[in-house]
Amino acid sequence: MILSTKKLNKFVDLSKKLVNFKDYSVEEREEFISNAIAIYRNNNLGGSAITTQVAKFFLFLVDPRMEVTA
């Protein structure tokens, strides 16, 4: 599988724009970016159009500040 760095960067950047990223601690920033990369890879987003809607859909998995409740 070939990853498109341009699309990956776009996904990370769009995700960061959906939150107040500059207020995150260094640890939260690292986790956020790591999560975004993992979501991008695990969901094969390289073959899809990367839009704000796609970033919003996956944001709850990317953002370490989001709580998942059952």
Protein backbone atom coordinates (compact mmCIF):
# COMPACT_ATOMS: atom_id res chain seq x y z
CA MET A 1 0.00 0.00 0.00
CA ILE A 2 1.39 3.38 -1.00
CA LEU A 3 0.50 6.27 1.26
CA SER A 4 0.03 9.69 -0.23
CA THR A 5 1.94 12.07 2.01
CA LYS A 6 0.06 15.01 0.53
CA LYS A 7 -3.33 13.47 1.37
CA LEU A 8 -2.13 12.38 4.82
CA ASN A 9 -0.92 15.90 5.58
CA LYS A 10 -4.22 17.32 4.35
CA PHE A 11 -6.16 14.94 6.65
CA VAL A 12 -4.00 15.90 9.66
CA ASP A 13 -4.27 19.63 8.86
CA LEU A 14 -8.05 19.51 8.39
CA SER A 15 -8.41 17.60 11.65
CA LYS A 16 -6.26 20.16 13.48
CA LYS A 17 -8.41 22.99 12.11
CA LEU A 18 -11.51 21.42 13.70
CA VAL A 19 -10.12 21.93 17.21
CA ASN A 20 -8.16 24.65 19.02
CA PHE A 21 -4.92 22.74 18.43
CA LYS A 22 -2.59 25.44 19.78
CA ASP A 23 -4.11 24.97 23.25
CA TYR A 24 -3.17 21.30 23.36
CA SER A 25 -0.22 20.13 25.44
CA VAL A 26 2.78 18.62 23.67
CA GLU A 27 1.61 15.14 24.68
CA GLU A 28 -1.91 15.79 23.37
CA ARG A 29 -0.53 17.15 20.09
CA GLU A 30 1.64 14.08 19.61
CA GLU A 31 -1.27 11.75 20.40
CA PHE A 32 -3.59 13.70 18.09
CA ILE A 33 -1.18 13.46 15.14
CA SER A 34 -0.39 9.82 15.87
CA ASN A 35 -4.10 9.01 16.01
CA ALA A 36 -4.74 10.87 12.75
CA ILE A 37 -2.00 8.91 10.98
CA ALA A 38 -3.34 5.60 12.33
CA ILE A 39 -6.93 6.43 11.29
CA TYR A 40 -5.75 7.47 7.83
CA ARG A 41 -3.81 4.23 7.36
CA ASN A 42 -6.32 1.85 8.95
CA ASN A 43 -9.21 3.20 6.89
CA ASN A 44 -7.33 3.37 3.59
CA LEU A 45 -8.16 7.04 3.16
CA GLY A 46 -5.42 7.47 0.55
CA GLY A 47 -7.88 6.37 -2.13
CA SER A 48 -10.57 8.80 -1.00
CA ALA A 49 -11.12 12.50 -1.37
CA ILE A 50 -9.91 14.17 1.82
CA THR A 51 -12.47 16.78 2.83
CA THR A 52 -13.54 18.54 6.00
CA GLN A 53 -16.48 16.11 6.21
CA VAL A 54 -14.08 13.16 6.25
CA ALA A 55 -12.00 14.80 8.98
CA LYS A 56 -15.15 15.56 11.02
CA PHE A 57 -16.33 11.96 10.70
CA PHE A 58 -13.10 10.60 12.19
CA LEU A 59 -12.45 13.43 14.67
CA PHE A 60 -13.84 11.56 17.69
CA LEU A 61 -11.17 8.88 17.09
CA VAL A 62 -8.36 11.35 16.40
CA ASP A 63 -8.89 13.86 19.21
CA PRO A 64 -7.50 12.65 22.57
CA ARG A 65 -9.81 15.12 24.36
CA MET A 66 -12.97 13.50 23.02
CA GLU A 67 -14.66 11.05 25.34
CA VAL A 68 -16.22 7.92 24.01
CA THR A 69 -19.29 6.93 25.99
CA ALA A 70 -21.25 3.75 25.67
